[in-house]
Amino acid sequence: EFPGSLSMTGLADIDAQIERLYKGQLLTEEEVKSLCGKAKEVFLEESNVVCVRAPVTIVGDIHGQFHDLIELFRICGKVPDTNFLFLGDYVDRGYYSVECATLLFLLKVRYSDRITLLRGNHESRQITQIYGFYDECVRKYGSGNVWKLFTEVFDYIPVGALIENQI
């Protein structure tokens, strides 16, 4: 196994967590901690500018609009059936930033070659304290621990992508 690879048990756990998220159910704080550790490993293996192959569906700002994210997957196809490039701004403003970030991290860990996540300006400590992600984490988990876990991973998300070495 290479760093960041998952055992069959680990894959089954991730698959079950993905299904829970599609139903809008939160992970436990301990599960988020484990997920963030795995996501960090995956992002550490990527370049700061990622090369992406076409065809790929490019998605802009999600901003905590979880139901829109689910609708997008319904229309375009779910990962891994469809390749996605997300341009950042997964959190803040909407009411479901935790669910959006969690689902996207789960999909990245499970299907790292089929989904590319880029860091937007809202994937930072300062912005998330102003625009709602911090408050949402405290409201849903009772402390800022989950916010801290997510924002630590944000530091490792690539900032740019080239599609077929052109765009």
N, C-alpha and C. Protein backbone atom coordinates (compact mmCIF):
# COMPACT_ATOMS: atom_id res chain seq x y z
N GLU A 1 0.83 -1.19 0.00
CA GLU A 1 0.00 0.00 0.00
C GLU A 1 0.87 1.24 0.00
N PHE A 2 0.43 2.28 -0.69
CA PHE A 2 1.15 3.54 -0.70
C PHE A 2 0.52 4.48 0.32
N PRO A 3 1.22 5.54 0.72
CA PRO A 3 0.65 6.47 1.71
C PRO A 3 -0.71 6.98 1.27
N GLY A 4 -1.64 7.01 2.19
CA GLY A 4 -2.97 7.51 1.87
C GLY A 4 -3.90 6.44 1.33
N SER A 5 -3.38 5.23 1.05
CA SER A 5 -4.26 4.18 0.53
C SER A 5 -5.12 3.63 1.65
N LEU A 6 -6.25 3.09 1.28
CA LEU A 6 -7.21 2.58 2.25
C LEU A 6 -7.32 1.07 2.14
N SER A 7 -7.46 0.41 3.28
CA SER A 7 -7.72 -1.02 3.28
C SER A 7 -9.17 -1.25 2.84
N MET A 8 -9.52 -2.50 2.62
CA MET A 8 -10.91 -2.81 2.25
C MET A 8 -11.87 -2.35 3.34
N THR A 9 -11.48 -2.53 4.60
CA THR A 9 -12.32 -2.06 5.71
C THR A 9 -12.44 -0.55 5.68
N GLY A 10 -11.32 0.11 5.41
CA GLY A 10 -11.34 1.57 5.32
C GLY A 10 -12.21 2.07 4.19
N LEU A 11 -12.18 1.38 3.04
CA LEU A 11 -13.05 1.74 1.91
C LEU A 11 -14.52 1.58 2.29
N ALA A 12 -14.84 0.49 2.96
CA ALA A 12 -16.23 0.25 3.36
C ALA A 12 -16.70 1.34 4.33
N ASP A 13 -15.81 1.74 5.24
CA ASP A 13 -16.16 2.81 6.18
C ASP A 13 -16.40 4.12 5.45
N ILE A 14 -15.52 4.46 4.52
CA ILE A 14 -15.66 5.69 3.74
C ILE A 14 -16.95 5.64 2.91
N ASP A 15 -17.22 4.51 2.26
CA ASP A 15 -18.44 4.36 1.47
C ASP A 15 -19.68 4.57 2.33
N ALA A 16 -19.68 3.99 3.53
CA ALA A 16 -20.82 4.15 4.45
C ALA A 16 -20.97 5.61 4.87
N GLN A 17 -19.86 6.28 5.11
CA GLN A 17 -19.91 7.69 5.49
C GLN A 17 -20.40 8.56 4.34
N ILE A 18 -19.99 8.23 3.13
CA ILE A 18 -20.49 8.97 1.95
C ILE A 18 -22.00 8.83 1.86
N GLU A 19 -22.51 7.64 2.04
CA GLU A 19 -23.97 7.42 2.00
C GLU A 19 -24.67 8.21 3.10
N ARG A 20 -24.09 8.26 4.28
CA ARG A 20 -24.67 9.07 5.37
C ARG A 20 -24.73 10.54 4.98
N LEU A 21 -23.66 11.03 4.37
CA LEU A 21 -23.63 12.43 3.97
C LEU A 21 -24.65 12.73 2.89
N TYR A 22 -24.80 11.82 1.92
CA TYR A 22 -25.82 12.03 0.88
C TYR A 22 -27.21 12.16 1.51
N LYS A 23 -27.39 11.58 2.68
CA LYS A 23 -28.67 11.70 3.41
C LYS A 23 -28.69 12.90 4.34
N GLY A 24 -27.60 13.68 4.33
CA GLY A 24 -27.55 14.88 5.16
C GLY A 24 -27.19 14.64 6.61
N GLN A 25 -26.63 13.46 6.92
CA GLN A 25 -26.26 13.13 8.30
C GLN A 25 -24.81 13.51 8.56
N LEU A 26 -24.56 14.13 9.69
CA LEU A 26 -23.21 14.55 10.06
C LEU A 26 -22.38 13.36 10.53
N LEU A 27 -21.08 13.45 10.34
CA LEU A 27 -20.16 12.51 10.94
C LEU A 27 -19.93 12.93 12.39
N THR A 28 -19.44 12.01 13.20
CA THR A 28 -19.05 12.37 14.56
C THR A 28 -17.76 13.18 14.50
N GLU A 29 -17.44 13.86 15.59
CA GLU A 29 -16.19 14.62 15.63
C GLU A 29 -14.99 13.70 15.42
N GLU A 30 -15.03 12.51 16.00
CA GLU A 30 -13.92 11.56 15.84
C GLU A 30 -13.79 11.12 14.38
N GLU A 31 -14.91 10.91 13.71
CA GLU A 31 -14.89 10.55 12.29
C GLU A 31 -14.33 11.69 11.44
N VAL A 32 -14.70 12.93 11.78
CA VAL A 32 -14.17 14.09 11.06
C VAL A 32 -12.65 14.18 11.26
N LYS A 33 -12.20 13.91 12.47
CA LYS A 33 -10.76 13.93 12.75
C LYS A 33 -10.03 12.91 11.88
N SER A 34 -10.56 11.71 11.80
CA SER A 34 -9.96 10.67 10.97
C SER A 34 -9.98 11.07 9.49
N LEU A 35 -11.13 11.57 9.03
CA LEU A 35 -11.28 12.00 7.65
C LEU A 35 -10.27 13.10 7.31
N CYS A 36 -10.14 14.08 8.16
CA CYS A 36 -9.23 15.19 7.89
C CYS A 36 -7.78 14.71 7.83
N GLY A 37 -7.43 13.74 8.65
CA GLY A 37 -6.09 13.16 8.57
C GLY A 37 -5.85 12.48 7.24
N LYS A 38 -6.84 11.73 6.76
CA LYS A 38 -6.72 11.06 5.46
C LYS A 38 -6.70 12.07 4.31
N ALA A 39 -7.55 13.08 4.40
CA ALA A 39 -7.59 14.10 3.35
C ALA A 39 -6.26 14.84 3.26
N LYS A 40 -5.68 15.16 4.40
CA LYS A 40 -4.38 15.84 4.41
C LYS A 40 -3.34 14.99 3.69
N GLU A 41 -3.33 13.68 3.95
CA GLU A 41 -2.39 12.78 3.26
C GLU A 41 -2.58 12.82 1.75
N VAL A 42 -3.84 12.82 1.31
CA VAL A 42 -4.13 12.85 -0.13
C VAL A 42 -3.65 14.17 -0.73
N PHE A 43 -3.95 15.28 -0.08
CA PHE A 43 -3.54 16.58 -0.61
C PHE A 43 -2.02 16.75 -0.60
N LEU A 44 -1.34 16.15 0.37
CA LEU A 44 0.12 16.23 0.43
C LEU A 44 0.77 15.57 -0.78
N GLU A 45 0.08 14.61 -1.39
CA GLU A 45 0.62 13.91 -2.56
C GLU A 45 0.39 14.69 -3.85
N GLU A 46 -0.43 15.74 -3.80
CA GLU A 46 -0.74 16.52 -5.00
C GLU A 46 0.18 17.74 -5.09
N SER A 47 0.38 18.18 -6.31
CA SER A 47 1.12 19.41 -6.56
C SER A 47 0.25 20.61 -6.20
N ASN A 48 0.85 21.77 -6.04
CA ASN A 48 0.09 22.99 -5.76
C ASN A 48 -0.76 23.41 -6.96
N VAL A 49 -0.32 23.01 -8.17
CA VAL A 49 -1.10 23.17 -9.39
C VAL A 49 -1.31 21.76 -9.94
N VAL A 50 -2.56 21.35 -10.03
CA VAL A 50 -2.91 19.98 -10.38
C VAL A 50 -3.22 19.88 -11.88
N CYS A 51 -2.75 18.81 -12.51
CA CYS A 51 -3.10 18.54 -13.90
C CYS A 51 -4.36 17.68 -13.92
N VAL A 52 -5.36 18.13 -14.67
CA VAL A 52 -6.65 17.46 -14.74
C VAL A 52 -6.90 17.06 -16.19
N ARG A 53 -7.44 15.86 -16.37
CA ARG A 53 -7.75 15.39 -17.72
C ARG A 53 -9.22 15.63 -18.03
N ALA A 54 -9.50 15.98 -19.29
CA ALA A 54 -10.87 16.10 -19.77
C ALA A 54 -11.36 14.70 -20.14
N PRO A 55 -12.65 14.46 -20.12
CA PRO A 55 -13.72 15.40 -19.77
C PRO A 55 -13.83 15.59 -18.25
N VAL A 56 -14.18 16.80 -17.86
CA VAL A 56 -14.33 17.12 -16.45
C VAL A 56 -15.43 18.16 -16.30
N THR A 57 -16.22 18.01 -15.28
CA THR A 57 -17.26 18.99 -14.95
C THR A 57 -16.66 19.98 -13.96
N ILE A 58 -16.69 21.26 -14.31
CA ILE A 58 -16.10 22.31 -13.48
C ILE A 58 -17.20 22.98 -12.67
N VAL A 59 -16.96 23.07 -11.36
CA VAL A 59 -17.98 23.60 -10.45
C VAL A 59 -17.39 24.77 -9.67
N GLY A 60 -18.13 25.87 -9.65
CA GLY A 60 -17.72 27.05 -8.90
C GLY A 60 -18.18 27.01 -7.46
N ASP A 61 -18.34 28.14 -6.88
CA ASP A 61 -18.62 28.32 -5.46
C ASP A 61 -19.85 27.55 -5.00
N ILE A 62 -19.66 26.66 -4.03
CA ILE A 62 -20.76 25.91 -3.41
C ILE A 62 -21.31 26.69 -2.21
N HIS A 63 -20.40 27.29 -1.43
CA HIS A 63 -20.77 28.13 -0.28
C HIS A 63 -21.85 27.52 0.61
N GLY A 64 -21.65 26.26 1.01
CA GLY A 64 -22.55 25.66 1.99
C GLY A 64 -23.93 25.33 1.47
N GLN A 65 -24.13 25.36 0.16
CA GLN A 65 -25.44 25.03 -0.42
C GLN A 65 -25.48 23.52 -0.71
N PHE A 66 -25.64 22.74 0.35
CA PHE A 66 -25.56 21.29 0.26
C PHE A 66 -26.60 20.70 -0.69
N HIS A 67 -27.81 21.21 -0.63
CA HIS A 67 -28.87 20.66 -1.49
C HIS A 67 -28.58 20.94 -2.97
N ASP A 68 -27.95 22.07 -3.25
CA ASP A 68 -27.52 22.35 -4.62
C ASP A 68 -26.41 21.39 -5.05
N LEU A 69 -25.51 21.08 -4.14
CA LEU A 69 -24.44 20.12 -4.43
C LEU A 69 -25.01 18.75 -4.76
N ILE A 70 -25.98 18.31 -3.98
CA ILE A 70 -26.63 17.02 -4.21
C ILE A 70 -27.37 17.04 -5.56
N GLU A 71 -28.03 18.14 -5.87
CA GLU A 71 -28.72 18.29 -7.15
C GLU A 71 -27.73 18.27 -8.31
N LEU A 72 -26.58 18.90 -8.13
CA LEU A 72 -25.54 18.87 -9.14
C LEU A 72 -25.11 17.43 -9.44
N PHE A 73 -24.90 16.64 -8.39
CA PHE A 73 -24.53 15.24 -8.58
C PHE A 73 -25.66 14.46 -9.25
N ARG A 74 -26.91 14.80 -8.94
CA ARG A 74 -28.04 14.12 -9.56
C ARG A 74 -28.08 14.40 -11.07
N ILE A 75 -27.82 15.62 -11.45
CA ILE A 75 -27.89 16.02 -12.86
C ILE A 75 -26.65 15.57 -13.63
N CYS A 76 -25.47 15.78 -13.07
CA CYS A 76 -24.21 15.53 -13.79
C CYS A 76 -23.67 14.11 -13.61
N GLY A 77 -24.15 13.42 -12.58
CA GLY A 77 -23.62 12.11 -12.23
C GLY A 77 -22.73 12.24 -11.01
N LYS A 78 -22.72 11.20 -10.20
CA LYS A 78 -21.92 11.21 -8.99
C LYS A 78 -20.48 10.80 -9.29
N VAL A 79 -19.61 11.17 -8.39
CA VAL A 79 -18.24 10.66 -8.40
C VAL A 79 -18.36 9.18 -8.01
N PRO A 80 -17.77 8.22 -8.69
CA PRO A 80 -16.69 8.33 -9.67
C PRO A 80 -17.17 8.27 -11.12
N ASP A 81 -18.48 8.27 -11.35
CA ASP A 81 -18.98 8.17 -12.73
C ASP A 81 -18.69 9.41 -13.55
N THR A 82 -18.53 10.54 -12.88
CA THR A 82 -18.23 11.81 -13.53
C THR A 82 -16.99 12.41 -12.86
N ASN A 83 -16.11 12.96 -13.65
CA ASN A 83 -14.93 13.67 -13.11
C ASN A 83 -15.33 15.09 -12.77
N PHE A 84 -14.84 15.58 -11.63
CA PHE A 84 -15.17 16.94 -11.19
C PHE A 84 -13.92 17.72 -10.84
N LEU A 85 -13.98 19.01 -11.14
CA LEU A 85 -13.00 19.99 -10.69
C LEU A 85 -13.78 21.07 -9.94
N PHE A 86 -13.59 21.14 -8.63
CA PHE A 86 -14.25 22.14 -7.80
C PHE A 86 -13.27 23.29 -7.57
N LEU A 87 -13.72 24.51 -7.79
CA LEU A 87 -12.85 25.68 -7.79
C LEU A 87 -12.73 26.37 -6.43
N GLY A 88 -13.20 25.72 -5.37
CA GLY A 88 -13.06 26.31 -4.04
C GLY A 88 -14.33 26.94 -3.55
N ASP A 89 -14.23 27.59 -2.40
CA ASP A 89 -15.36 28.24 -1.72
C ASP A 89 -16.48 27.24 -1.43
N TYR A 90 -16.12 26.21 -0.68
CA TYR A 90 -17.07 25.16 -0.29
C TYR A 90 -17.88 25.57 0.92
N VAL A 91 -17.33 26.49 1.71
CA VAL A 91 -17.91 26.84 3.00
C VAL A 91 -18.31 28.31 3.03
N ASP A 92 -19.01 28.67 4.11
CA ASP A 92 -19.46 30.03 4.40
C ASP A 92 -20.74 30.38 3.61
N ARG A 93 -21.47 31.29 4.20
CA ARG A 93 -22.70 31.86 3.64
C ARG A 93 -23.89 30.93 3.72
N GLY A 94 -23.79 29.69 3.25
CA GLY A 94 -24.91 28.76 3.33
C GLY A 94 -25.00 28.11 4.70
N TYR A 95 -26.07 27.35 4.91
CA TYR A 95 -26.31 26.73 6.21
C TYR A 95 -25.69 25.34 6.36
N TYR A 96 -25.13 24.81 5.29
CA TYR A 96 -24.65 23.42 5.32
C TYR A 96 -23.19 23.31 4.87
N SER A 97 -22.37 24.22 5.33
CA SER A 97 -20.95 24.20 4.97
C SER A 97 -20.26 22.94 5.49
N VAL A 98 -20.61 22.52 6.71
CA VAL A 98 -19.99 21.32 7.28
C VAL A 98 -20.29 20.11 6.40
N GLU A 99 -21.54 19.98 5.98
CA GLU A 99 -21.92 18.85 5.14
C GLU A 99 -21.22 18.90 3.78
N CYS A 100 -21.13 20.09 3.20
CA CYS A 100 -20.45 20.23 1.90
C CYS A 100 -18.98 19.86 2.01
N ALA A 101 -18.28 20.43 2.96
CA ALA A 101 -16.85 20.15 3.12
C ALA A 101 -16.62 18.68 3.45
N THR A 102 -17.46 18.12 4.31
CA THR A 102 -17.30 16.72 4.69
C THR A 102 -17.50 15.80 3.50
N LEU A 103 -18.58 16.00 2.75
CA LEU A 103 -18.85 15.15 1.59
C LEU A 103 -17.73 15.27 0.56
N LEU A 104 -17.29 16.47 0.26
CA LEU A 104 -16.24 16.65 -0.73
C LEU A 104 -14.92 16.03 -0.28
N PHE A 105 -14.60 16.15 1.01
CA PHE A 105 -13.39 15.50 1.53
C PHE A 105 -13.51 13.98 1.45
N LEU A 106 -14.69 13.45 1.79
CA LEU A 106 -14.90 12.00 1.69
C LEU A 106 -14.71 11.52 0.26
N LEU A 107 -15.30 12.23 -0.69
CA LEU A 107 -15.17 11.86 -2.10
C LEU A 107 -13.72 11.97 -2.56
N LYS A 108 -13.00 12.98 -2.07
CA LYS A 108 -11.59 13.14 -2.44
C LYS A 108 -10.76 11.98 -1.90
N VAL A 109 -11.01 11.59 -0.67
CA VAL A 109 -10.27 10.48 -0.07
C VAL A 109 -10.59 9.17 -0.79
N ARG A 110 -11.85 8.98 -1.13
CA ARG A 110 -12.28 7.71 -1.76
C ARG A 110 -11.91 7.63 -3.24
N TYR A 111 -12.05 8.73 -3.96
CA TYR A 111 -11.85 8.74 -5.41
C TYR A 111 -10.90 9.88 -5.81
N SER A 112 -9.71 9.88 -5.27
CA SER A 112 -8.81 11.04 -5.45
C SER A 112 -8.47 11.33 -6.91
N ASP A 113 -8.53 10.32 -7.76
CA ASP A 113 -8.21 10.55 -9.17
C ASP A 113 -9.40 11.02 -9.99
N ARG A 114 -10.59 11.09 -9.39
CA ARG A 114 -11.81 11.47 -10.12
C ARG A 114 -12.37 12.83 -9.68
N ILE A 115 -11.84 13.37 -8.60
CA ILE A 115 -12.32 14.65 -8.10
C ILE A 115 -11.13 15.50 -7.69
N THR A 116 -11.12 16.73 -8.17
CA THR A 116 -10.06 17.67 -7.83
C THR A 116 -10.70 18.81 -7.05
N LEU A 117 -10.13 19.09 -5.90
CA LEU A 117 -10.59 20.21 -5.07
C LEU A 117 -9.49 21.27 -5.07
N LEU A 118 -9.87 22.50 -5.34
CA LEU A 118 -8.95 23.62 -5.25
C LEU A 118 -9.32 24.49 -4.05
N ARG A 119 -8.36 25.22 -3.57
CA ARG A 119 -8.58 26.10 -2.42
C ARG A 119 -9.07 27.46 -2.90
N GLY A 120 -10.22 27.86 -2.39
CA GLY A 120 -10.74 29.18 -2.68
C GLY A 120 -10.39 30.14 -1.55
N ASN A 121 -10.75 31.40 -1.71
CA ASN A 121 -10.43 32.38 -0.67
C ASN A 121 -11.19 32.13 0.63
N HIS A 122 -12.28 31.35 0.58
CA HIS A 122 -13.02 31.05 1.81
C HIS A 122 -12.44 29.86 2.57
N GLU A 123 -11.46 29.17 1.99
CA GLU A 123 -10.81 28.08 2.70
C GLU A 123 -9.63 28.65 3.50
N SER A 124 -9.95 29.55 4.42
CA SER A 124 -8.94 30.16 5.28
C SER A 124 -9.55 30.43 6.65
N ARG A 125 -8.71 30.51 7.65
CA ARG A 125 -9.19 30.74 9.02
C ARG A 125 -9.89 32.09 9.16
N GLN A 126 -9.27 33.12 8.59
CA GLN A 126 -9.80 34.47 8.78
C GLN A 126 -11.19 34.61 8.16
N ILE A 127 -11.33 34.20 6.91
CA ILE A 127 -12.60 34.37 6.21
C ILE A 127 -13.70 33.53 6.88
N THR A 128 -13.38 32.29 7.26
CA THR A 128 -14.41 31.42 7.84
C THR A 128 -14.87 31.89 9.22
N GLN A 129 -14.07 32.70 9.88
CA GLN A 129 -14.51 33.25 11.16
C GLN A 129 -15.48 34.41 10.96
N ILE A 130 -15.44 35.02 9.81
CA ILE A 130 -16.32 36.16 9.53
C ILE A 130 -17.62 35.70 8.86
N TYR A 131 -17.53 34.77 7.90
CA TYR A 131 -18.68 34.45 7.05
C TYR A 131 -19.47 33.21 7.43
N GLY A 132 -19.20 32.61 8.60
CA GLY A 132 -20.15 31.63 9.11
C GLY A 132 -19.69 30.21 9.34
N PHE A 133 -18.61 29.76 8.72
CA PHE A 133 -18.22 28.35 8.88
C PHE A 133 -17.83 28.04 10.32
N TYR A 134 -17.09 28.93 10.94
CA TYR A 134 -16.70 28.72 12.34
C TYR A 134 -17.94 28.60 13.22
N ASP A 135 -18.87 29.54 13.10
CA ASP A 135 -20.09 29.52 13.91
C ASP A 135 -20.90 28.26 13.65
N GLU A 136 -20.97 27.83 12.39
CA GLU A 136 -21.71 26.61 12.07
C GLU A 136 -21.09 25.39 12.73
N CYS A 137 -19.77 25.30 12.71
CA CYS A 137 -19.09 24.17 13.36
C CYS A 137 -19.38 24.15 14.86
N VAL A 138 -19.32 25.31 15.49
CA VAL A 138 -19.60 25.40 16.92
C VAL A 138 -21.06 25.02 17.20
N ARG A 139 -21.97 25.49 16.36
CA ARG A 139 -23.39 25.18 16.53
C ARG A 139 -23.66 23.68 16.38
N LYS A 140 -23.03 23.04 15.40
CA LYS A 140 -23.31 21.64 15.11
C LYS A 140 -22.51 20.66 15.96
N TYR A 141 -21.34 21.08 16.45
CA TYR A 141 -20.48 20.17 17.20
C TYR A 141 -20.19 20.62 18.63
N GLY A 142 -20.62 21.81 19.00
CA GLY A 142 -20.47 22.25 20.39
C GLY A 142 -19.13 22.88 20.73
N SER A 143 -18.21 22.94 19.77
CA SER A 143 -16.92 23.58 19.99
C SER A 143 -16.31 23.92 18.63
N GLY A 144 -15.14 24.55 18.67
CA GLY A 144 -14.45 24.89 17.44
C GLY A 144 -13.50 23.81 16.95
N ASN A 145 -13.52 22.64 17.58
CA ASN A 145 -12.57 21.58 17.21
C ASN A 145 -12.68 21.15 15.74
N VAL A 146 -13.90 20.94 15.26
CA VAL A 146 -14.11 20.50 13.88
C VAL A 146 -13.66 21.59 12.91
N TRP A 147 -13.95 22.84 13.24
CA TRP A 147 -13.48 23.96 12.41
C TRP A 147 -11.96 23.93 12.32
N LYS A 148 -11.29 23.71 13.44
CA LYS A 148 -9.82 23.66 13.45
C LYS A 148 -9.32 22.52 12.59
N LEU A 149 -9.96 21.35 12.66
CA LEU A 149 -9.56 20.20 11.84
C LEU A 149 -9.67 20.52 10.35
N PHE A 150 -10.81 21.09 9.95
CA PHE A 150 -11.01 21.43 8.54
C PHE A 150 -10.03 22.51 8.07
N THR A 151 -9.86 23.56 8.86
CA THR A 151 -9.00 24.65 8.41
C THR A 151 -7.54 24.22 8.33
N GLU A 152 -7.13 23.25 9.14
CA GLU A 152 -5.76 22.72 9.01
C GLU A 152 -5.59 22.02 7.66
N VAL A 153 -6.62 21.31 7.21
CA VAL A 153 -6.55 20.63 5.91
C VAL A 153 -6.59 21.65 4.77
N PHE A 154 -7.35 22.73 4.95
CA PHE A 154 -7.44 23.76 3.90
C PHE A 154 -6.04 24.22 3.47
N ASP A 155 -5.10 24.25 4.41
CA ASP A 155 -3.73 24.70 4.10
C ASP A 155 -3.05 23.83 3.06
N TYR A 156 -3.52 22.62 2.86
CA TYR A 156 -2.86 21.66 1.96
C TYR A 156 -3.57 21.49 0.62
N ILE A 157 -4.70 22.15 0.44
CA ILE A 157 -5.47 22.02 -0.81
C ILE A 157 -4.76 22.80 -1.92
N PRO A 158 -4.61 22.19 -3.09
CA PRO A 158 -3.96 22.90 -4.22
C PRO A 158 -4.70 24.19 -4.57
N VAL A 159 -3.97 25.13 -5.17
CA VAL A 159 -4.55 26.44 -5.48
C VAL A 159 -4.86 26.64 -6.96
N GLY A 160 -4.41 25.73 -7.82
CA GLY A 160 -4.65 25.91 -9.26
C GLY A 160 -4.71 24.58 -9.98
N ALA A 161 -5.25 24.64 -11.21
CA ALA A 161 -5.35 23.42 -12.03
C ALA A 161 -5.12 23.77 -13.50
N LEU A 162 -4.54 22.84 -14.21
CA LEU A 162 -4.42 22.90 -15.66
C LEU A 162 -5.26 21.76 -16.23
N ILE A 163 -6.15 22.09 -17.15
CA ILE A 163 -6.95 21.04 -17.79
C ILE A 163 -6.29 20.72 -19.13
N GLU A 164 -5.88 19.47 -19.27
CA GLU A 164 -5.16 19.04 -20.49
C GLU A 164 -3.98 19.96 -20.80
N ASN A 165 -3.30 20.43 -19.74
CA ASN A 165 -2.14 21.31 -19.86
C ASN A 165 -2.41 22.61 -20.62
N GLN A 166 -3.67 23.06 -20.65
CA GLN A 166 -4.00 24.27 -21.40
C GLN A 166 -4.69 25.35 -20.58
N ILE A 167 -5.70 24.98 -19.85
CA ILE A 167 -6.55 26.00 -19.23
C ILE A 167 -6.11 26.25 -17.80
